[in-house]
Amino acid sequence: MSKVSPSRLSPPASRLVGSARIGHLATSDKSGQPHVVPICFVFDGTDFFSPIDEKPKRTAPRKLKRLKNIRENPRVSLVIDRYDEEWTKLGYVLVFGTARILSRGQKHRDAVRLLRSKYRQYRSMAIQERPMIVIRPSRVISWGYF
């Protein structure tokens, strides 16, 4: 297991982050009750971004539990992992950081562009009109057989 500066992921950890299709975002409310959801994401070398996209939701986008939790407690964790039946191929990157909700601006537009480049499904979704979760890493731990 190695701790790395958020902006200096090892080349193997960077490849895992860049190639992973999903991560798991952990948030908690003001009382500390945890909540974990799978997310689509991109990393721009500084921050992680995850849109509130148009996949079916049980509630209005701005009322989602993860967004409510971030407003109450911005400390989050994100795990990006790789599983394989051949256990010499296991690995993960664990990100600890602070999240905020972004609705517009240049960072939002840049994240939309990166997300559309990574996920073809976003090319036909109006993610430019929806909130975006931004995670600024404070600590990153990686482990595995990269």
N, C-alpha and C. Protein backbone atom coordinates (compact mmCIF):
# COMPACT_ATOMS: atom_id res chain seq x y z
N MET A 1 0.87 -1.17 0.00
CA MET A 1 0.00 0.00 0.00
C MET A 1 0.91 1.22 0.00
N SER A 2 0.57 2.20 -0.82
CA SER A 2 1.39 3.41 -0.84
C SER A 2 0.49 4.64 -0.80
N LYS A 3 0.97 5.65 -0.06
CA LYS A 3 0.28 6.93 -0.02
C LYS A 3 0.94 7.82 -1.05
N VAL A 4 0.12 8.50 -1.80
CA VAL A 4 0.65 9.36 -2.85
C VAL A 4 0.01 10.73 -2.80
N SER A 5 0.75 11.69 -3.28
CA SER A 5 0.19 13.03 -3.43
C SER A 5 -0.94 12.94 -4.44
N PRO A 6 -2.05 13.61 -4.19
CA PRO A 6 -3.18 13.53 -5.11
C PRO A 6 -2.83 13.87 -6.55
N SER A 7 -1.92 14.78 -6.75
CA SER A 7 -1.58 15.17 -8.12
C SER A 7 -0.45 14.31 -8.69
N ARG A 8 0.06 13.38 -7.89
CA ARG A 8 1.17 12.54 -8.35
C ARG A 8 0.85 11.07 -8.18
N LEU A 9 -0.17 10.62 -8.84
CA LEU A 9 -0.46 9.20 -8.84
C LEU A 9 0.66 8.48 -9.56
N SER A 10 0.99 7.29 -9.09
CA SER A 10 1.99 6.49 -9.80
C SER A 10 1.44 6.18 -11.19
N PRO A 11 2.31 5.93 -12.15
CA PRO A 11 1.80 5.59 -13.49
C PRO A 11 0.79 4.43 -13.48
N PRO A 12 1.04 3.34 -12.73
CA PRO A 12 0.03 2.28 -12.71
C PRO A 12 -1.30 2.73 -12.08
N ALA A 13 -1.24 3.49 -11.00
CA ALA A 13 -2.48 3.98 -10.37
C ALA A 13 -3.19 4.93 -11.33
N SER A 14 -2.46 5.76 -12.03
CA SER A 14 -3.06 6.66 -13.03
C SER A 14 -3.76 5.88 -14.12
N ARG A 15 -3.14 4.78 -14.56
CA ARG A 15 -3.78 3.95 -15.59
C ARG A 15 -5.09 3.35 -15.07
N LEU A 16 -5.08 2.89 -13.82
CA LEU A 16 -6.31 2.34 -13.25
C LEU A 16 -7.39 3.41 -13.18
N VAL A 17 -7.05 4.59 -12.66
CA VAL A 17 -8.02 5.69 -12.57
C VAL A 17 -8.53 6.07 -13.96
N GLY A 18 -7.64 6.14 -14.92
CA GLY A 18 -8.04 6.54 -16.28
C GLY A 18 -8.88 5.51 -17.01
N SER A 19 -8.68 4.24 -16.71
CA SER A 19 -9.40 3.20 -17.44
C SER A 19 -10.66 2.72 -16.74
N ALA A 20 -10.80 2.98 -15.44
CA ALA A 20 -11.96 2.49 -14.69
C ALA A 20 -13.23 3.15 -15.20
N ARG A 21 -14.27 2.36 -15.33
CA ARG A 21 -15.55 2.87 -15.79
C ARG A 21 -16.41 3.39 -14.65
N ILE A 22 -16.22 2.84 -13.44
CA ILE A 22 -16.98 3.31 -12.29
C ILE A 22 -16.08 3.38 -11.06
N GLY A 23 -16.51 4.19 -10.12
CA GLY A 23 -15.92 4.25 -8.79
C GLY A 23 -17.07 4.17 -7.80
N HIS A 24 -16.74 4.11 -6.53
CA HIS A 24 -17.77 4.09 -5.48
C HIS A 24 -17.52 5.26 -4.55
N LEU A 25 -18.51 6.15 -4.49
CA LEU A 25 -18.42 7.37 -3.70
C LEU A 25 -19.09 7.16 -2.36
N ALA A 26 -18.34 7.44 -1.30
CA ALA A 26 -18.88 7.35 0.06
C ALA A 26 -19.05 8.76 0.61
N THR A 27 -20.27 9.06 1.05
CA THR A 27 -20.58 10.32 1.71
C THR A 27 -21.20 9.97 3.05
N SER A 28 -21.35 10.96 3.89
CA SER A 28 -22.08 10.73 5.15
C SER A 28 -22.81 12.01 5.51
N ASP A 29 -23.92 11.82 6.21
CA ASP A 29 -24.70 12.98 6.61
C ASP A 29 -24.10 13.60 7.87
N LYS A 30 -24.76 14.62 8.40
CA LYS A 30 -24.21 15.34 9.55
C LYS A 30 -24.08 14.46 10.79
N SER A 31 -24.87 13.38 10.87
CA SER A 31 -24.76 12.47 12.02
C SER A 31 -23.73 11.38 11.80
N GLY A 32 -23.14 11.32 10.60
CA GLY A 32 -22.12 10.33 10.30
C GLY A 32 -22.64 9.07 9.64
N GLN A 33 -23.95 9.04 9.30
CA GLN A 33 -24.52 7.86 8.64
C GLN A 33 -23.93 7.75 7.23
N PRO A 34 -23.23 6.65 6.92
CA PRO A 34 -22.60 6.53 5.60
C PRO A 34 -23.60 6.20 4.49
N HIS A 35 -23.21 6.56 3.28
CA HIS A 35 -24.01 6.32 2.09
C HIS A 35 -23.02 6.10 0.95
N VAL A 36 -23.11 4.97 0.26
CA VAL A 36 -22.17 4.65 -0.82
C VAL A 36 -22.95 4.39 -2.09
N VAL A 37 -22.50 5.00 -3.19
CA VAL A 37 -23.14 4.78 -4.49
C VAL A 37 -22.08 4.63 -5.58
N PRO A 38 -22.37 3.82 -6.60
CA PRO A 38 -21.47 3.75 -7.75
C PRO A 38 -21.62 5.03 -8.57
N ILE A 39 -20.51 5.51 -9.11
CA ILE A 39 -20.54 6.73 -9.92
C ILE A 39 -19.68 6.58 -11.16
N CYS A 40 -20.03 7.33 -12.19
CA CYS A 40 -19.14 7.56 -13.32
C CYS A 40 -18.32 8.79 -12.96
N PHE A 41 -17.08 8.86 -13.43
CA PHE A 41 -16.20 9.95 -13.01
C PHE A 41 -15.09 10.17 -14.03
N VAL A 42 -14.46 11.32 -13.92
CA VAL A 42 -13.20 11.61 -14.61
C VAL A 42 -12.27 12.30 -13.62
N PHE A 43 -10.99 12.21 -13.89
CA PHE A 43 -9.97 12.88 -13.09
C PHE A 43 -9.18 13.77 -14.04
N ASP A 44 -9.08 15.06 -13.72
CA ASP A 44 -8.37 15.97 -14.62
C ASP A 44 -6.92 16.20 -14.19
N GLY A 45 -6.43 15.41 -13.24
CA GLY A 45 -5.08 15.58 -12.73
C GLY A 45 -5.05 16.34 -11.42
N THR A 46 -6.15 17.01 -11.12
CA THR A 46 -6.28 17.77 -9.87
C THR A 46 -7.52 17.34 -9.10
N ASP A 47 -8.66 17.31 -9.79
CA ASP A 47 -9.95 17.00 -9.17
C ASP A 47 -10.64 15.84 -9.88
N PHE A 48 -11.52 15.17 -9.13
CA PHE A 48 -12.41 14.15 -9.68
C PHE A 48 -13.76 14.81 -9.89
N PHE A 49 -14.44 14.45 -10.98
CA PHE A 49 -15.75 15.01 -11.32
C PHE A 49 -16.74 13.88 -11.58
N SER A 50 -17.94 14.05 -11.06
CA SER A 50 -19.02 13.08 -11.31
C SER A 50 -20.31 13.85 -11.53
N PRO A 51 -20.94 13.65 -12.68
CA PRO A 51 -22.17 14.39 -12.96
C PRO A 51 -23.39 13.73 -12.32
N ILE A 52 -24.40 14.53 -12.11
CA ILE A 52 -25.71 14.00 -11.79
C ILE A 52 -26.41 13.88 -13.14
N ASP A 53 -26.35 12.69 -13.69
CA ASP A 53 -26.77 12.50 -15.08
C ASP A 53 -28.25 12.17 -15.18
N GLU A 54 -28.66 11.72 -16.37
CA GLU A 54 -30.07 11.48 -16.64
C GLU A 54 -30.49 10.03 -16.45
N LYS A 55 -29.62 9.20 -15.89
CA LYS A 55 -30.07 7.85 -15.58
C LYS A 55 -31.23 7.97 -14.59
N PRO A 56 -32.17 7.02 -14.61
CA PRO A 56 -33.33 7.13 -13.71
C PRO A 56 -32.92 7.27 -12.24
N LYS A 57 -33.57 8.17 -11.54
CA LYS A 57 -33.33 8.42 -10.12
C LYS A 57 -34.67 8.32 -9.39
N ARG A 58 -34.61 8.04 -8.11
CA ARG A 58 -35.84 7.95 -7.32
C ARG A 58 -36.33 9.31 -6.86
N THR A 59 -35.50 10.32 -6.99
CA THR A 59 -35.86 11.66 -6.53
C THR A 59 -35.32 12.68 -7.50
N ALA A 60 -35.71 13.92 -7.33
CA ALA A 60 -35.20 15.00 -8.18
C ALA A 60 -33.68 15.10 -8.01
N PRO A 61 -32.96 15.41 -9.09
CA PRO A 61 -31.50 15.43 -9.03
C PRO A 61 -30.91 16.22 -7.85
N ARG A 62 -31.41 17.40 -7.58
CA ARG A 62 -30.82 18.21 -6.51
C ARG A 62 -31.19 17.72 -5.10
N LYS A 63 -32.10 16.74 -5.02
CA LYS A 63 -32.50 16.20 -3.73
C LYS A 63 -31.85 14.85 -3.44
N LEU A 64 -30.93 14.41 -4.29
CA LEU A 64 -30.27 13.13 -4.09
C LEU A 64 -29.52 13.10 -2.77
N LYS A 65 -29.51 11.95 -2.13
CA LYS A 65 -28.87 11.78 -0.83
C LYS A 65 -27.39 12.17 -0.87
N ARG A 66 -26.68 11.81 -1.92
CA ARG A 66 -25.25 12.16 -1.99
C ARG A 66 -25.04 13.67 -2.00
N LEU A 67 -25.92 14.41 -2.69
CA LEU A 67 -25.79 15.87 -2.72
C LEU A 67 -26.16 16.48 -1.38
N LYS A 68 -27.21 15.97 -0.78
CA LYS A 68 -27.60 16.44 0.56
C LYS A 68 -26.46 16.19 1.55
N ASN A 69 -25.88 15.01 1.49
CA ASN A 69 -24.77 14.70 2.38
C ASN A 69 -23.58 15.63 2.17
N ILE A 70 -23.24 15.90 0.92
CA ILE A 70 -22.10 16.78 0.63
C ILE A 70 -22.36 18.18 1.17
N ARG A 71 -23.61 18.66 1.06
CA ARG A 71 -23.93 19.97 1.62
C ARG A 71 -23.78 19.97 3.15
N GLU A 72 -24.11 18.86 3.80
CA GLU A 72 -24.01 18.77 5.26
C GLU A 72 -22.59 18.44 5.74
N ASN A 73 -21.88 17.63 4.97
CA ASN A 73 -20.56 17.14 5.37
C ASN A 73 -19.74 16.91 4.11
N PRO A 74 -18.88 17.83 3.74
CA PRO A 74 -18.18 17.72 2.46
C PRO A 74 -17.05 16.69 2.41
N ARG A 75 -16.74 16.05 3.53
CA ARG A 75 -15.67 15.04 3.52
C ARG A 75 -16.20 13.76 2.88
N VAL A 76 -15.48 13.27 1.87
CA VAL A 76 -15.90 12.09 1.12
C VAL A 76 -14.72 11.15 0.89
N SER A 77 -15.06 9.95 0.46
CA SER A 77 -14.06 8.99 -0.02
C SER A 77 -14.54 8.43 -1.34
N LEU A 78 -13.59 8.09 -2.18
CA LEU A 78 -13.89 7.50 -3.48
C LEU A 78 -12.94 6.33 -3.66
N VAL A 79 -13.48 5.16 -3.95
CA VAL A 79 -12.63 4.01 -4.25
C VAL A 79 -12.83 3.61 -5.71
N ILE A 80 -11.71 3.42 -6.37
CA ILE A 80 -11.68 2.99 -7.76
C ILE A 80 -10.90 1.68 -7.73
N ASP A 81 -11.54 0.59 -8.12
CA ASP A 81 -10.87 -0.69 -7.96
C ASP A 81 -10.96 -1.55 -9.20
N ARG A 82 -10.13 -2.58 -9.18
CA ARG A 82 -10.14 -3.57 -10.26
C ARG A 82 -10.17 -4.94 -9.60
N TYR A 83 -11.17 -5.73 -9.97
CA TYR A 83 -11.26 -7.09 -9.47
C TYR A 83 -11.00 -8.06 -10.62
N ASP A 84 -10.35 -9.15 -10.29
CA ASP A 84 -10.10 -10.20 -11.26
C ASP A 84 -10.06 -11.52 -10.49
N GLU A 85 -10.56 -12.57 -11.09
CA GLU A 85 -10.48 -13.89 -10.46
C GLU A 85 -9.02 -14.30 -10.24
N GLU A 86 -8.14 -13.78 -11.06
CA GLU A 86 -6.70 -13.98 -10.87
C GLU A 86 -6.24 -12.90 -9.91
N TRP A 87 -6.08 -13.27 -8.65
CA TRP A 87 -5.87 -12.28 -7.60
C TRP A 87 -4.55 -11.54 -7.70
N THR A 88 -3.67 -11.93 -8.57
CA THR A 88 -2.44 -11.16 -8.78
C THR A 88 -2.71 -9.93 -9.64
N LYS A 89 -3.98 -9.74 -10.03
CA LYS A 89 -4.35 -8.57 -10.84
C LYS A 89 -5.24 -7.59 -10.09
N LEU A 90 -5.43 -7.80 -8.78
CA LEU A 90 -6.27 -6.91 -7.98
C LEU A 90 -5.59 -5.57 -7.75
N GLY A 91 -6.38 -4.53 -7.57
CA GLY A 91 -5.81 -3.23 -7.24
C GLY A 91 -6.89 -2.22 -6.92
N TYR A 92 -6.50 -1.18 -6.20
CA TYR A 92 -7.43 -0.09 -5.93
C TYR A 92 -6.69 1.21 -5.67
N VAL A 93 -7.41 2.28 -5.89
CA VAL A 93 -6.99 3.64 -5.53
C VAL A 93 -8.08 4.17 -4.62
N LEU A 94 -7.70 4.61 -3.43
CA LEU A 94 -8.64 5.14 -2.44
C LEU A 94 -8.34 6.62 -2.26
N VAL A 95 -9.34 7.45 -2.53
CA VAL A 95 -9.20 8.90 -2.49
C VAL A 95 -9.98 9.44 -1.29
N PHE A 96 -9.33 10.23 -0.47
CA PHE A 96 -9.98 10.97 0.60
C PHE A 96 -9.96 12.43 0.19
N GLY A 97 -11.07 13.13 0.36
CA GLY A 97 -11.08 14.51 -0.07
C GLY A 97 -12.29 15.28 0.38
N THR A 98 -12.39 16.46 -0.17
CA THR A 98 -13.50 17.37 0.11
C THR A 98 -14.28 17.56 -1.18
N ALA A 99 -15.61 17.44 -1.07
CA ALA A 99 -16.47 17.57 -2.24
C ALA A 99 -17.27 18.85 -2.18
N ARG A 100 -17.64 19.31 -3.35
CA ARG A 100 -18.57 20.43 -3.47
C ARG A 100 -19.41 20.19 -4.71
N ILE A 101 -20.46 20.97 -4.82
CA ILE A 101 -21.39 20.82 -5.94
C ILE A 101 -21.19 22.02 -6.86
N LEU A 102 -20.96 21.73 -8.11
CA LEU A 102 -20.69 22.75 -9.11
C LEU A 102 -21.84 22.73 -10.12
N SER A 103 -22.36 23.91 -10.44
CA SER A 103 -23.50 23.97 -11.37
C SER A 103 -23.18 24.68 -12.69
N ARG A 104 -22.13 25.45 -12.71
CA ARG A 104 -21.79 26.20 -13.94
C ARG A 104 -20.34 26.66 -13.87
N GLY A 105 -19.91 27.34 -14.91
CA GLY A 105 -18.57 27.89 -14.95
C GLY A 105 -17.62 27.07 -15.81
N GLN A 106 -16.40 27.57 -15.93
CA GLN A 106 -15.40 26.94 -16.80
C GLN A 106 -15.03 25.53 -16.34
N LYS A 107 -14.86 25.32 -15.04
CA LYS A 107 -14.55 23.98 -14.53
C LYS A 107 -15.67 23.00 -14.88
N HIS A 108 -16.90 23.45 -14.75
CA HIS A 108 -18.05 22.61 -15.09
C HIS A 108 -18.01 22.26 -16.58
N ARG A 109 -17.77 23.25 -17.44
CA ARG A 109 -17.71 23.01 -18.89
C ARG A 109 -16.57 22.06 -19.24
N ASP A 110 -15.40 22.24 -18.60
CA ASP A 110 -14.26 21.35 -18.85
C ASP A 110 -14.58 19.92 -18.43
N ALA A 111 -15.24 19.76 -17.28
CA ALA A 111 -15.61 18.43 -16.80
C ALA A 111 -16.61 17.77 -17.75
N VAL A 112 -17.57 18.52 -18.25
CA VAL A 112 -18.54 17.98 -19.21
C VAL A 112 -17.80 17.46 -20.44
N ARG A 113 -16.85 18.22 -20.93
CA ARG A 113 -16.07 17.80 -22.11
C ARG A 113 -15.31 16.50 -21.83
N LEU A 114 -14.65 16.41 -20.67
CA LEU A 114 -13.90 15.20 -20.31
C LEU A 114 -14.83 14.00 -20.14
N LEU A 115 -15.96 14.21 -19.50
CA LEU A 115 -16.92 13.12 -19.29
C LEU A 115 -17.49 12.63 -20.61
N ARG A 116 -17.77 13.52 -21.51
CA ARG A 116 -18.31 13.12 -22.82
C ARG A 116 -17.26 12.38 -23.64
N SER A 117 -16.01 12.72 -23.43
CA SER A 117 -14.93 12.01 -24.11
C SER A 117 -14.78 10.58 -23.57
N LYS A 118 -14.99 10.40 -22.28
CA LYS A 118 -14.82 9.09 -21.64
C LYS A 118 -16.05 8.20 -21.81
N TYR A 119 -17.24 8.78 -21.70
CA TYR A 119 -18.49 8.01 -21.73
C TYR A 119 -19.35 8.48 -22.90
N ARG A 120 -19.50 7.65 -23.91
CA ARG A 120 -20.28 8.04 -25.08
C ARG A 120 -21.74 8.35 -24.73
N GLN A 121 -22.27 7.71 -23.66
CA GLN A 121 -23.65 7.93 -23.25
C GLN A 121 -23.91 9.39 -22.88
N TYR A 122 -22.88 10.07 -22.37
CA TYR A 122 -23.04 11.46 -21.96
C TYR A 122 -23.12 12.43 -23.14
N ARG A 123 -22.77 11.96 -24.32
CA ARG A 123 -22.82 12.84 -25.50
C ARG A 123 -24.24 13.23 -25.85
N SER A 124 -25.21 12.40 -25.45
CA SER A 124 -26.62 12.72 -25.74
C SER A 124 -27.39 13.15 -24.50
N MET A 125 -26.71 13.30 -23.37
CA MET A 125 -27.37 13.76 -22.15
C MET A 125 -27.03 15.22 -21.90
N ALA A 126 -27.94 15.93 -21.30
CA ALA A 126 -27.75 17.36 -21.01
C ALA A 126 -27.01 17.55 -19.68
N ILE A 127 -25.85 16.90 -19.53
CA ILE A 127 -25.12 17.03 -18.27
C ILE A 127 -24.58 18.45 -18.06
N GLN A 128 -24.52 19.23 -19.11
CA GLN A 128 -24.08 20.61 -18.98
C GLN A 128 -25.10 21.46 -18.20
N GLU A 129 -26.32 20.94 -18.07
CA GLU A 129 -27.39 21.66 -17.36
C GLU A 129 -27.61 21.13 -15.95
N ARG A 130 -26.80 20.18 -15.54
CA ARG A 130 -27.05 19.50 -14.27
C ARG A 130 -25.88 19.70 -13.31
N PRO A 131 -26.13 19.47 -12.02
CA PRO A 131 -25.05 19.62 -11.04
C PRO A 131 -23.95 18.59 -11.26
N MET A 132 -22.77 18.95 -10.80
CA MET A 132 -21.59 18.12 -10.92
C MET A 132 -20.94 18.05 -9.54
N ILE A 133 -20.56 16.86 -9.12
CA ILE A 133 -19.80 16.72 -7.88
C ILE A 133 -18.33 16.87 -8.22
N VAL A 134 -17.64 17.71 -7.46
CA VAL A 134 -16.20 17.91 -7.62
C VAL A 134 -15.54 17.45 -6.34
N ILE A 135 -14.55 16.58 -6.46
CA ILE A 135 -13.81 16.10 -5.30
C ILE A 135 -12.37 16.55 -5.40
N ARG A 136 -11.94 17.30 -4.42
CA ARG A 136 -10.54 17.73 -4.33
C ARG A 136 -9.84 16.76 -3.38
N PRO A 137 -8.95 15.92 -3.89
CA PRO A 137 -8.28 14.95 -3.02
C PRO A 137 -7.35 15.62 -2.01
N SER A 138 -7.34 15.09 -0.80
CA SER A 138 -6.38 15.52 0.21
C SER A 138 -5.37 14.42 0.48
N ARG A 139 -5.77 13.19 0.23
CA ARG A 139 -4.88 12.03 0.41
C ARG A 139 -5.33 10.93 -0.53
N VAL A 140 -4.37 10.23 -1.10
CA VAL A 140 -4.67 9.11 -2.01
C VAL A 140 -3.81 7.93 -1.59
N ILE A 141 -4.45 6.77 -1.48
CA ILE A 141 -3.74 5.53 -1.17
C ILE A 141 -3.99 4.57 -2.32
N SER A 142 -2.93 3.92 -2.77
CA SER A 142 -3.11 2.91 -3.82
C SER A 142 -2.51 1.60 -3.35
N TRP A 143 -3.09 0.52 -3.84
CA TRP A 143 -2.61 -0.82 -3.51
C TRP A 143 -2.89 -1.71 -4.68
N GLY A 144 -2.04 -2.67 -4.86
CA GLY A 144 -2.38 -3.71 -5.82
C GLY A 144 -1.27 -4.13 -6.71
N TYR A 145 -1.66 -5.00 -7.57
CA TYR A 145 -0.76 -5.59 -8.56
C TYR A 145 -1.05 -4.89 -9.88
N PHE A 146 -0.38 -3.80 -10.07
CA PHE A 146 -0.65 -3.00 -11.27
C PHE A 146 0.19 -3.52 -12.40
